[in-house]
Amino acid sequence: MTVLTESGDAFATPAKPSPDEGGIVRDRWGRYMLPDPNTGEMRAWTRATTFAKTISDTYALHHWQQRMVAKGLAMRPDLLALVGMTEDKKELDRLCDMAKEAAGSKVGANLGTAVHNYTEQLDRGTELRSIAIPAAIVGDVASYGEALKAFPRAGQKRKPAVSRALRYSPAANPFTGEKYAISPSTGYAL
């Protein structure tokens, strides 16, 4: 992947990291910029979700993807016909991706991302009633809003923490502050 600077030049020196809306400084790849516990020098730290992805077992995911391709081909006879007519690996990969998409392989991730984006608005103090939330996720977002009322400190921005032993930045339960590695989009422990 080529990363362009603000000037549009892939070879120019990238801009220095700057704080986002919540005041958290990230590097150009979105990693937290935090002081090293040993040296005090600012450096980028890998997020917990990224760390977990590198060590996770992909066996179940691989089989789930295969099932999505099969379901997608069953749903789209046009794709099945095209698969039968080609030997080109790139074309087969493209058709398999289309079949997975037809089977809804990205629905959960997209909904999780949407829930995360809406709950961030609540964290910033936006009133729930002032947000037009799609029906598919209104229950999840409303539940989060109710939890914020029950635990008022939950929506407060916290400084990201660092695991020195594993060299990653763990997630924290917004209601209890307990640190653990979990995906905020899906809610599953990593």
N, C-alpha and C. Protein backbone atom coordinates (compact mmCIF):
# COMPACT_ATOMS: atom_id res chain seq x y z
N MET A 1 0.83 -1.16 0.00
CA MET A 1 0.00 0.00 0.00
C MET A 1 0.89 1.24 0.00
N THR A 2 0.61 2.16 -0.89
CA THR A 2 1.34 3.41 -0.95
C THR A 2 0.64 4.43 -0.09
N VAL A 3 1.36 5.07 0.81
CA VAL A 3 0.80 6.10 1.67
C VAL A 3 1.24 7.44 1.14
N LEU A 4 0.26 8.29 0.81
CA LEU A 4 0.57 9.61 0.29
C LEU A 4 0.54 10.61 1.44
N THR A 5 1.39 11.62 1.35
CA THR A 5 1.38 12.69 2.33
C THR A 5 0.33 13.70 1.91
N GLU A 6 0.14 14.74 2.73
CA GLU A 6 -0.83 15.77 2.39
C GLU A 6 -0.54 16.40 1.03
N SER A 7 0.73 16.44 0.65
CA SER A 7 1.10 17.03 -0.63
C SER A 7 0.78 16.10 -1.79
N GLY A 8 0.41 14.84 -1.49
CA GLY A 8 0.11 13.88 -2.53
C GLY A 8 1.34 13.15 -3.04
N ASP A 9 2.49 13.40 -2.42
CA ASP A 9 3.74 12.80 -2.84
C ASP A 9 4.06 11.62 -1.94
N ALA A 10 4.14 10.42 -2.53
CA ALA A 10 4.40 9.20 -1.76
C ALA A 10 5.81 9.18 -1.17
N PHE A 11 6.70 10.03 -1.68
CA PHE A 11 8.09 10.00 -1.23
C PHE A 11 8.44 11.17 -0.31
N ALA A 12 7.53 12.07 -0.07
CA ALA A 12 7.78 13.19 0.83
C ALA A 12 7.76 12.70 2.28
N THR A 13 8.35 13.45 3.16
CA THR A 13 8.34 13.10 4.58
C THR A 13 6.92 13.24 5.10
N PRO A 14 6.38 12.18 5.75
CA PRO A 14 5.01 12.26 6.25
C PRO A 14 4.88 13.31 7.35
N ALA A 15 3.66 13.84 7.49
CA ALA A 15 3.40 14.84 8.52
C ALA A 15 3.57 14.21 9.90
N LYS A 16 3.94 15.04 10.88
CA LYS A 16 4.08 14.56 12.26
C LYS A 16 2.69 14.20 12.78
N PRO A 17 2.62 13.18 13.66
CA PRO A 17 1.32 12.80 14.22
C PRO A 17 0.68 13.96 14.97
N SER A 18 -0.66 14.03 14.87
CA SER A 18 -1.38 15.08 15.58
C SER A 18 -2.61 14.48 16.25
N PRO A 19 -3.14 15.14 17.28
CA PRO A 19 -4.27 14.58 18.02
C PRO A 19 -5.54 14.50 17.17
N ASP A 20 -6.36 13.46 17.44
CA ASP A 20 -7.65 13.35 16.79
C ASP A 20 -8.68 14.14 17.60
N GLU A 21 -9.98 13.98 17.29
CA GLU A 21 -11.03 14.73 17.99
C GLU A 21 -11.00 14.50 19.49
N GLY A 22 -10.65 13.29 19.91
CA GLY A 22 -10.63 12.97 21.32
C GLY A 22 -9.33 13.35 22.01
N GLY A 23 -8.40 13.97 21.27
CA GLY A 23 -7.13 14.38 21.86
C GLY A 23 -6.09 13.28 21.89
N ILE A 24 -6.38 12.15 21.25
CA ILE A 24 -5.44 11.03 21.21
C ILE A 24 -4.56 11.17 19.98
N VAL A 25 -3.25 11.09 20.17
CA VAL A 25 -2.31 11.22 19.06
C VAL A 25 -2.08 9.84 18.45
N ARG A 26 -2.18 9.79 17.13
CA ARG A 26 -1.97 8.55 16.39
C ARG A 26 -0.98 8.81 15.26
N ASP A 27 -0.30 7.73 14.83
CA ASP A 27 0.60 7.89 13.69
C ASP A 27 -0.22 7.77 12.40
N ARG A 28 0.43 7.81 11.27
CA ARG A 28 -0.29 7.82 10.00
C ARG A 28 -1.03 6.53 9.71
N TRP A 29 -0.75 5.46 10.47
CA TRP A 29 -1.46 4.19 10.30
C TRP A 29 -2.51 3.99 11.38
N GLY A 30 -2.77 5.01 12.20
CA GLY A 30 -3.80 4.94 13.22
C GLY A 30 -3.36 4.32 14.54
N ARG A 31 -2.06 4.04 14.68
CA ARG A 31 -1.58 3.45 15.93
C ARG A 31 -1.42 4.55 16.98
N TYR A 32 -1.66 4.19 18.25
CA TYR A 32 -1.48 5.15 19.34
C TYR A 32 -0.02 5.58 19.45
N MET A 33 0.21 6.87 19.65
CA MET A 33 1.53 7.42 19.94
C MET A 33 1.56 7.66 21.44
N LEU A 34 2.34 6.83 22.15
CA LEU A 34 2.42 6.90 23.60
C LEU A 34 3.87 6.82 24.05
N PRO A 35 4.16 7.33 25.24
CA PRO A 35 5.54 7.24 25.72
C PRO A 35 5.93 5.80 26.03
N ASP A 36 7.12 5.43 25.65
CA ASP A 36 7.65 4.11 25.98
C ASP A 36 7.85 4.07 27.49
N PRO A 37 7.36 3.02 28.17
CA PRO A 37 7.49 2.96 29.63
C PRO A 37 8.94 2.95 30.12
N ASN A 38 9.87 2.49 29.28
CA ASN A 38 11.27 2.42 29.69
C ASN A 38 12.05 3.68 29.36
N THR A 39 11.81 4.24 28.16
CA THR A 39 12.62 5.37 27.72
C THR A 39 11.89 6.71 27.81
N GLY A 40 10.56 6.68 27.86
CA GLY A 40 9.78 7.91 27.86
C GLY A 40 9.63 8.52 26.49
N GLU A 41 10.29 7.94 25.50
CA GLU A 41 10.24 8.45 24.13
C GLU A 41 8.90 8.07 23.49
N MET A 42 8.28 9.03 22.77
CA MET A 42 7.01 8.76 22.09
C MET A 42 7.25 7.77 20.96
N ARG A 43 6.37 6.74 20.90
CA ARG A 43 6.47 5.76 19.83
C ARG A 43 5.09 5.21 19.54
N ALA A 44 4.94 4.59 18.39
CA ALA A 44 3.66 4.00 17.99
C ALA A 44 3.48 2.65 18.67
N TRP A 45 2.25 2.37 19.09
CA TRP A 45 1.91 1.10 19.74
C TRP A 45 0.80 0.43 18.95
N THR A 46 0.95 -0.86 18.72
CA THR A 46 -0.05 -1.63 17.98
C THR A 46 -1.30 -1.79 18.82
N ARG A 47 -2.48 -1.64 18.19
CA ARG A 47 -3.75 -1.79 18.90
C ARG A 47 -3.98 -3.25 19.26
N ALA A 48 -4.77 -3.49 20.27
CA ALA A 48 -5.05 -4.84 20.75
C ALA A 48 -5.69 -5.69 19.66
N THR A 49 -6.60 -5.12 18.88
CA THR A 49 -7.27 -5.90 17.84
C THR A 49 -6.27 -6.34 16.77
N THR A 50 -5.34 -5.48 16.43
CA THR A 50 -4.32 -5.85 15.43
C THR A 50 -3.44 -6.96 15.97
N PHE A 51 -3.04 -6.82 17.23
CA PHE A 51 -2.21 -7.83 17.87
C PHE A 51 -2.95 -9.18 17.87
N ALA A 52 -4.20 -9.16 18.25
CA ALA A 52 -4.97 -10.40 18.35
C ALA A 52 -5.11 -11.07 16.98
N LYS A 53 -5.27 -10.29 15.93
CA LYS A 53 -5.41 -10.86 14.60
C LYS A 53 -4.16 -11.62 14.18
N THR A 54 -3.01 -11.16 14.62
CA THR A 54 -1.77 -11.81 14.20
C THR A 54 -1.53 -13.13 14.90
N ILE A 55 -2.16 -13.32 16.06
CA ILE A 55 -1.94 -14.56 16.80
C ILE A 55 -3.15 -15.48 16.80
N SER A 56 -4.24 -15.05 16.17
CA SER A 56 -5.46 -15.85 16.22
C SER A 56 -5.38 -17.03 15.27
N ASP A 57 -6.13 -18.06 15.62
CA ASP A 57 -6.24 -19.25 14.79
C ASP A 57 -7.23 -18.95 13.68
N THR A 58 -6.84 -19.13 12.44
CA THR A 58 -7.71 -18.79 11.33
C THR A 58 -8.47 -19.99 10.76
N TYR A 59 -8.35 -21.14 11.41
CA TYR A 59 -9.01 -22.36 10.91
C TYR A 59 -10.52 -22.16 10.76
N ALA A 60 -11.17 -21.71 11.82
CA ALA A 60 -12.62 -21.53 11.79
C ALA A 60 -13.02 -20.44 10.80
N LEU A 61 -12.24 -19.36 10.75
CA LEU A 61 -12.53 -18.28 9.81
C LEU A 61 -12.44 -18.78 8.37
N HIS A 62 -11.42 -19.55 8.08
CA HIS A 62 -11.24 -20.09 6.74
C HIS A 62 -12.45 -20.93 6.32
N HIS A 63 -12.93 -21.78 7.22
CA HIS A 63 -14.08 -22.62 6.89
C HIS A 63 -15.37 -21.79 6.77
N TRP A 64 -15.49 -20.77 7.58
CA TRP A 64 -16.65 -19.88 7.47
C TRP A 64 -16.64 -19.19 6.10
N GLN A 65 -15.46 -18.74 5.66
CA GLN A 65 -15.37 -18.10 4.35
C GLN A 65 -15.75 -19.07 3.23
N GLN A 66 -15.33 -20.33 3.35
CA GLN A 66 -15.71 -21.32 2.35
C GLN A 66 -17.23 -21.51 2.32
N ARG A 67 -17.86 -21.54 3.49
CA ARG A 67 -19.32 -21.68 3.54
C ARG A 67 -20.01 -20.47 2.91
N MET A 68 -19.45 -19.28 3.12
CA MET A 68 -20.03 -18.07 2.52
C MET A 68 -19.94 -18.13 0.98
N VAL A 69 -18.83 -18.64 0.46
CA VAL A 69 -18.70 -18.78 -0.99
C VAL A 69 -19.76 -19.75 -1.51
N ALA A 70 -19.91 -20.89 -0.82
CA ALA A 70 -20.90 -21.89 -1.25
C ALA A 70 -22.31 -21.30 -1.22
N LYS A 71 -22.65 -20.60 -0.14
CA LYS A 71 -23.98 -20.00 -0.03
C LYS A 71 -24.18 -18.94 -1.11
N GLY A 72 -23.15 -18.13 -1.35
CA GLY A 72 -23.25 -17.09 -2.36
C GLY A 72 -23.44 -17.66 -3.76
N LEU A 73 -22.75 -18.75 -4.06
CA LEU A 73 -22.92 -19.38 -5.38
C LEU A 73 -24.32 -19.97 -5.52
N ALA A 74 -24.86 -20.49 -4.42
CA ALA A 74 -26.23 -21.01 -4.46
C ALA A 74 -27.24 -19.89 -4.67
N MET A 75 -26.94 -18.72 -4.16
CA MET A 75 -27.84 -17.57 -4.28
C MET A 75 -27.71 -16.86 -5.63
N ARG A 76 -26.55 -17.00 -6.26
CA ARG A 76 -26.28 -16.28 -7.51
C ARG A 76 -25.89 -17.26 -8.61
N PRO A 77 -26.89 -17.83 -9.31
CA PRO A 77 -26.56 -18.79 -10.38
C PRO A 77 -25.71 -18.18 -11.49
N ASP A 78 -25.76 -16.86 -11.65
CA ASP A 78 -24.92 -16.21 -12.65
C ASP A 78 -23.44 -16.36 -12.30
N LEU A 79 -23.12 -16.24 -11.00
CA LEU A 79 -21.73 -16.40 -10.57
C LEU A 79 -21.29 -17.85 -10.73
N LEU A 80 -22.17 -18.78 -10.39
CA LEU A 80 -21.85 -20.20 -10.54
C LEU A 80 -21.55 -20.53 -12.01
N ALA A 81 -22.34 -19.97 -12.91
CA ALA A 81 -22.11 -20.20 -14.34
C ALA A 81 -20.76 -19.63 -14.77
N LEU A 82 -20.42 -18.45 -14.28
CA LEU A 82 -19.14 -17.83 -14.63
C LEU A 82 -17.97 -18.63 -14.05
N VAL A 83 -18.11 -19.15 -12.84
CA VAL A 83 -17.06 -19.97 -12.23
C VAL A 83 -16.77 -21.18 -13.10
N GLY A 84 -17.82 -21.77 -13.64
CA GLY A 84 -17.66 -22.96 -14.48
C GLY A 84 -16.99 -22.69 -15.82
N MET A 85 -16.88 -21.44 -16.19
CA MET A 85 -16.35 -21.09 -17.51
C MET A 85 -14.94 -20.52 -17.49
N THR A 86 -14.31 -20.44 -16.32
CA THR A 86 -12.99 -19.83 -16.29
C THR A 86 -11.99 -20.69 -15.52
N GLU A 87 -10.74 -20.56 -15.92
CA GLU A 87 -9.62 -21.21 -15.22
C GLU A 87 -8.67 -20.15 -14.65
N ASP A 88 -8.98 -18.88 -14.93
CA ASP A 88 -8.13 -17.79 -14.50
C ASP A 88 -8.25 -17.59 -12.99
N LYS A 89 -7.13 -17.69 -12.27
CA LYS A 89 -7.14 -17.61 -10.80
C LYS A 89 -7.65 -16.27 -10.30
N LYS A 90 -7.23 -15.18 -10.94
CA LYS A 90 -7.68 -13.86 -10.50
C LYS A 90 -9.17 -13.70 -10.70
N GLU A 91 -9.66 -14.20 -11.81
CA GLU A 91 -11.11 -14.12 -12.07
C GLU A 91 -11.88 -15.00 -11.08
N LEU A 92 -11.36 -16.18 -10.77
CA LEU A 92 -12.01 -17.05 -9.79
C LEU A 92 -12.02 -16.39 -8.41
N ASP A 93 -10.92 -15.75 -8.04
CA ASP A 93 -10.87 -15.03 -6.77
C ASP A 93 -11.92 -13.92 -6.73
N ARG A 94 -12.04 -13.19 -7.83
CA ARG A 94 -13.02 -12.10 -7.91
C ARG A 94 -14.43 -12.65 -7.78
N LEU A 95 -14.72 -13.75 -8.46
CA LEU A 95 -16.05 -14.35 -8.40
C LEU A 95 -16.34 -14.90 -7.00
N CYS A 96 -15.35 -15.48 -6.35
CA CYS A 96 -15.53 -15.96 -4.98
C CYS A 96 -15.81 -14.80 -4.04
N ASP A 97 -15.11 -13.68 -4.22
CA ASP A 97 -15.37 -12.50 -3.40
C ASP A 97 -16.80 -12.00 -3.61
N MET A 98 -17.26 -12.02 -4.86
CA MET A 98 -18.63 -11.61 -5.15
C MET A 98 -19.63 -12.57 -4.52
N ALA A 99 -19.33 -13.86 -4.52
CA ALA A 99 -20.22 -14.85 -3.91
C ALA A 99 -20.29 -14.64 -2.39
N LYS A 100 -19.14 -14.39 -1.76
CA LYS A 100 -19.13 -14.13 -0.31
C LYS A 100 -19.97 -12.89 0.00
N GLU A 101 -19.81 -11.87 -0.80
CA GLU A 101 -20.57 -10.63 -0.61
C GLU A 101 -22.07 -10.90 -0.76
N ALA A 102 -22.44 -11.70 -1.76
CA ALA A 102 -23.85 -12.03 -1.97
C ALA A 102 -24.43 -12.78 -0.78
N ALA A 103 -23.61 -13.57 -0.10
CA ALA A 103 -24.06 -14.34 1.06
C ALA A 103 -24.08 -13.49 2.33
N GLY A 104 -23.67 -12.25 2.23
CA GLY A 104 -23.72 -11.36 3.39
C GLY A 104 -22.51 -11.45 4.30
N SER A 105 -21.37 -11.81 3.75
CA SER A 105 -20.17 -12.01 4.58
C SER A 105 -19.70 -10.74 5.29
N LYS A 106 -20.08 -9.58 4.79
CA LYS A 106 -19.60 -8.34 5.41
C LYS A 106 -20.68 -7.64 6.25
N VAL A 107 -21.85 -8.23 6.33
CA VAL A 107 -22.95 -7.59 7.02
C VAL A 107 -22.62 -7.36 8.50
N GLY A 108 -22.14 -8.39 9.18
CA GLY A 108 -21.83 -8.25 10.61
C GLY A 108 -20.76 -7.21 10.87
N ALA A 109 -19.70 -7.23 10.06
CA ALA A 109 -18.62 -6.25 10.24
C ALA A 109 -19.12 -4.84 9.97
N ASN A 110 -19.93 -4.67 8.92
CA ASN A 110 -20.46 -3.35 8.61
C ASN A 110 -21.38 -2.83 9.71
N LEU A 111 -22.26 -3.70 10.23
CA LEU A 111 -23.14 -3.30 11.31
C LEU A 111 -22.34 -2.97 12.57
N GLY A 112 -21.31 -3.76 12.85
CA GLY A 112 -20.46 -3.50 14.01
C GLY A 112 -19.76 -2.16 13.91
N THR A 113 -19.26 -1.86 12.72
CA THR A 113 -18.60 -0.56 12.49
C THR A 113 -19.60 0.58 12.67
N ALA A 114 -20.80 0.39 12.14
CA ALA A 114 -21.83 1.43 12.28
C ALA A 114 -22.19 1.65 13.74
N VAL A 115 -22.39 0.57 14.50
CA VAL A 115 -22.69 0.71 15.93
C VAL A 115 -21.56 1.46 16.62
N HIS A 116 -20.33 1.09 16.32
CA HIS A 116 -19.18 1.75 16.93
C HIS A 116 -19.19 3.25 16.62
N ASN A 117 -19.46 3.62 15.37
CA ASN A 117 -19.47 5.03 14.99
C ASN A 117 -20.57 5.81 15.70
N TYR A 118 -21.76 5.20 15.82
CA TYR A 118 -22.85 5.88 16.52
C TYR A 118 -22.56 6.00 18.01
N THR A 119 -21.99 4.96 18.62
CA THR A 119 -21.70 5.05 20.06
C THR A 119 -20.59 6.07 20.33
N GLU A 120 -19.68 6.27 19.38
CA GLU A 120 -18.68 7.32 19.55
C GLU A 120 -19.34 8.69 19.60
N GLN A 121 -20.42 8.88 18.82
CA GLN A 121 -21.15 10.15 18.89
C GLN A 121 -21.74 10.34 20.28
N LEU A 122 -22.28 9.27 20.85
CA LEU A 122 -22.83 9.35 22.20
C LEU A 122 -21.72 9.66 23.20
N ASP A 123 -20.55 9.05 23.01
CA ASP A 123 -19.41 9.32 23.89
C ASP A 123 -19.02 10.80 23.87
N ARG A 124 -19.21 11.43 22.72
CA ARG A 124 -18.86 12.86 22.59
C ARG A 124 -19.96 13.77 23.14
N GLY A 125 -21.06 13.17 23.64
CA GLY A 125 -22.11 13.97 24.26
C GLY A 125 -23.30 14.26 23.37
N THR A 126 -23.34 13.73 22.16
CA THR A 126 -24.49 13.93 21.28
C THR A 126 -25.70 13.23 21.89
N GLU A 127 -26.84 13.90 21.89
CA GLU A 127 -28.06 13.31 22.43
C GLU A 127 -28.57 12.23 21.48
N LEU A 128 -28.99 11.11 22.05
CA LEU A 128 -29.47 9.98 21.27
C LEU A 128 -30.62 10.38 20.35
N ARG A 129 -31.52 11.20 20.86
CA ARG A 129 -32.70 11.56 20.06
C ARG A 129 -32.35 12.46 18.87
N SER A 130 -31.15 13.04 18.86
CA SER A 130 -30.76 13.92 17.75
C SER A 130 -30.03 13.17 16.63
N ILE A 131 -29.87 11.86 16.79
CA ILE A 131 -29.16 11.06 15.78
C ILE A 131 -30.16 10.20 15.02
N ALA A 132 -30.10 10.23 13.70
CA ALA A 132 -30.94 9.35 12.88
C ALA A 132 -30.23 8.01 12.77
N ILE A 133 -30.72 7.03 13.53
CA ILE A 133 -30.06 5.72 13.61
C ILE A 133 -30.87 4.71 12.80
N PRO A 134 -30.22 3.94 11.92
CA PRO A 134 -30.94 2.92 11.14
C PRO A 134 -31.60 1.89 12.05
N ALA A 135 -32.76 1.40 11.65
CA ALA A 135 -33.54 0.45 12.44
C ALA A 135 -32.75 -0.81 12.81
N ALA A 136 -31.84 -1.25 11.94
CA ALA A 136 -31.10 -2.49 12.17
C ALA A 136 -30.21 -2.41 13.40
N ILE A 137 -29.82 -1.22 13.82
CA ILE A 137 -28.89 -1.10 14.95
C ILE A 137 -29.40 -0.19 16.06
N VAL A 138 -30.60 0.33 15.92
CA VAL A 138 -31.10 1.29 16.92
C VAL A 138 -31.14 0.67 18.31
N GLY A 139 -31.48 -0.60 18.43
CA GLY A 139 -31.52 -1.25 19.74
C GLY A 139 -30.16 -1.30 20.40
N ASP A 140 -29.12 -1.65 19.64
CA ASP A 140 -27.76 -1.72 20.18
C ASP A 140 -27.28 -0.35 20.63
N VAL A 141 -27.51 0.65 19.80
CA VAL A 141 -27.05 2.00 20.12
C VAL A 141 -27.83 2.56 21.32
N ALA A 142 -29.14 2.31 21.35
CA ALA A 142 -29.96 2.77 22.47
C ALA A 142 -29.52 2.10 23.78
N SER A 143 -29.20 0.81 23.71
CA SER A 143 -28.71 0.11 24.91
C SER A 143 -27.42 0.73 25.42
N TYR A 144 -26.53 1.08 24.50
CA TYR A 144 -25.29 1.73 24.89
C TYR A 144 -25.59 3.08 25.54
N GLY A 145 -26.53 3.83 24.95
CA GLY A 145 -26.91 5.12 25.52
C GLY A 145 -27.46 4.98 26.93
N GLU A 146 -28.26 3.94 27.16
CA GLU A 146 -28.79 3.68 28.51
C GLU A 146 -27.67 3.33 29.47
N ALA A 147 -26.71 2.54 29.01
CA ALA A 147 -25.58 2.17 29.85
C ALA A 147 -24.76 3.41 30.21
N LEU A 148 -24.63 4.35 29.28
CA LEU A 148 -23.90 5.59 29.58
C LEU A 148 -24.59 6.38 30.69
N LYS A 149 -25.93 6.34 30.68
CA LYS A 149 -26.66 7.04 31.75
C LYS A 149 -26.42 6.37 33.10
N ALA A 150 -26.36 5.03 33.09
CA ALA A 150 -26.15 4.29 34.33
C ALA A 150 -24.71 4.41 34.83
N PHE A 151 -23.79 4.56 33.90
CA PHE A 151 -22.36 4.67 34.24
C PHE A 151 -21.82 5.94 33.57
N PRO A 152 -22.05 7.10 34.14
CA PRO A 152 -21.71 8.37 33.47
C PRO A 152 -20.25 8.51 33.06
N ARG A 153 -19.32 7.87 33.76
CA ARG A 153 -17.90 8.00 33.40
C ARG A 153 -17.54 7.16 32.17
N ALA A 154 -18.43 6.29 31.73
CA ALA A 154 -18.10 5.36 30.66
C ALA A 154 -17.73 6.07 29.36
N GLY A 155 -18.40 7.17 29.05
CA GLY A 155 -18.13 7.85 27.80
C GLY A 155 -16.93 8.76 27.83
N GLN A 156 -16.30 8.91 28.98
CA GLN A 156 -15.13 9.78 29.07
C GLN A 156 -13.96 9.18 28.33
N LYS A 157 -13.24 10.03 27.64
CA LYS A 157 -12.06 9.56 26.92
C LYS A 157 -10.98 9.19 27.93
N ARG A 158 -10.35 8.08 27.70
CA ARG A 158 -9.25 7.65 28.56
C ARG A 158 -7.99 7.61 27.72
N LYS A 159 -6.89 7.81 28.38
CA LYS A 159 -5.62 7.64 27.68
C LYS A 159 -5.44 6.17 27.40
N PRO A 160 -5.02 5.82 26.19
CA PRO A 160 -4.76 4.41 25.91
C PRO A 160 -3.65 3.88 26.82
N ALA A 161 -3.80 2.65 27.23
CA ALA A 161 -2.80 1.99 28.09
C ALA A 161 -1.87 1.16 27.23
N VAL A 162 -0.78 0.72 27.81
CA VAL A 162 0.21 -0.05 27.08
C VAL A 162 0.55 -1.32 27.84
N SER A 163 0.62 -2.44 27.13
CA SER A 163 1.11 -3.68 27.72
C SER A 163 2.59 -3.78 27.39
N ARG A 164 3.45 -3.64 28.40
CA ARG A 164 4.89 -3.67 28.15
C ARG A 164 5.35 -5.03 27.68
N ALA A 165 4.79 -6.09 28.26
CA ALA A 165 5.24 -7.44 27.92
C ALA A 165 4.88 -7.80 26.48
N LEU A 166 3.67 -7.43 26.06
CA LEU A 166 3.22 -7.82 24.73
C LEU A 166 3.39 -6.71 23.71
N ARG A 167 3.69 -5.51 24.16
CA ARG A 167 3.91 -4.36 23.28
C ARG A 167 2.69 -4.05 22.42
N TYR A 168 1.53 -4.00 23.06
CA TYR A 168 0.32 -3.59 22.36
C TYR A 168 -0.51 -2.75 23.30
N SER A 169 -1.52 -2.10 22.76
CA SER A 169 -2.38 -1.24 23.54
C SER A 169 -3.71 -1.94 23.75
N PRO A 170 -3.99 -2.43 24.98
CA PRO A 170 -5.21 -3.19 25.22
C PRO A 170 -6.45 -2.32 25.27
N ALA A 171 -7.61 -2.93 25.06
CA ALA A 171 -8.89 -2.25 25.19
C ALA A 171 -9.25 -2.17 26.66
N ALA A 172 -10.18 -1.29 26.99
CA ALA A 172 -10.66 -1.20 28.37
C ALA A 172 -12.18 -1.17 28.35
N ASN A 173 -12.80 -1.87 29.28
CA ASN A 173 -14.24 -1.84 29.43
C ASN A 173 -14.61 -0.41 29.78
N PRO A 174 -15.46 0.25 28.96
CA PRO A 174 -15.76 1.66 29.22
C PRO A 174 -16.57 1.87 30.50
N PHE A 175 -17.16 0.80 31.04
CA PHE A 175 -17.98 0.94 32.22
C PHE A 175 -17.23 0.62 33.51
N THR A 176 -16.25 -0.27 33.45
CA THR A 176 -15.52 -0.65 34.66
C THR A 176 -14.07 -0.23 34.63
N GLY A 177 -13.54 0.05 33.42
CA GLY A 177 -12.13 0.40 33.28
C GLY A 177 -11.23 -0.82 33.21
N GLU A 178 -11.80 -2.03 33.38
CA GLU A 178 -11.00 -3.25 33.32
C GLU A 178 -10.39 -3.40 31.92
N LYS A 179 -9.10 -3.74 31.86
CA LYS A 179 -8.41 -3.86 30.58
C LYS A 179 -8.42 -5.30 30.09
N TYR A 180 -8.69 -5.47 28.82
CA TYR A 180 -8.66 -6.77 28.18
C TYR A 180 -8.64 -6.54 26.69
N ALA A 181 -8.32 -7.57 25.95
CA ALA A 181 -8.29 -7.45 24.48
C ALA A 181 -9.65 -7.86 23.94
N ILE A 182 -10.38 -6.89 23.35
CA ILE A 182 -11.70 -7.17 22.81
C ILE A 182 -11.92 -6.26 21.61
N SER A 183 -12.68 -6.73 20.66
CA SER A 183 -13.02 -5.92 19.50
C SER A 183 -14.19 -5.03 19.84
N PRO A 184 -14.05 -3.69 19.76
CA PRO A 184 -15.18 -2.81 20.08
C PRO A 184 -16.28 -2.90 19.04
N SER A 185 -15.96 -3.34 17.81
CA SER A 185 -16.98 -3.44 16.78
C SER A 185 -17.88 -4.64 16.97
N THR A 186 -17.30 -5.79 17.32
CA THR A 186 -18.10 -7.00 17.44
C THR A 186 -18.43 -7.35 18.88
N GLY A 187 -17.61 -6.87 19.82
CA GLY A 187 -17.81 -7.18 21.22
C GLY A 187 -17.23 -8.52 21.61
N TYR A 188 -16.59 -9.20 20.69
CA TYR A 188 -16.01 -10.51 21.00
C TYR A 188 -14.61 -10.34 21.58
N ALA A 189 -14.30 -11.16 22.59
CA ALA A 189 -12.96 -11.16 23.15
C ALA A 189 -11.99 -11.70 22.10
N LEU A 190 -10.79 -11.17 22.12
CA LEU A 190 -9.80 -11.59 21.13
C LEU A 190 -8.85 -12.60 21.71
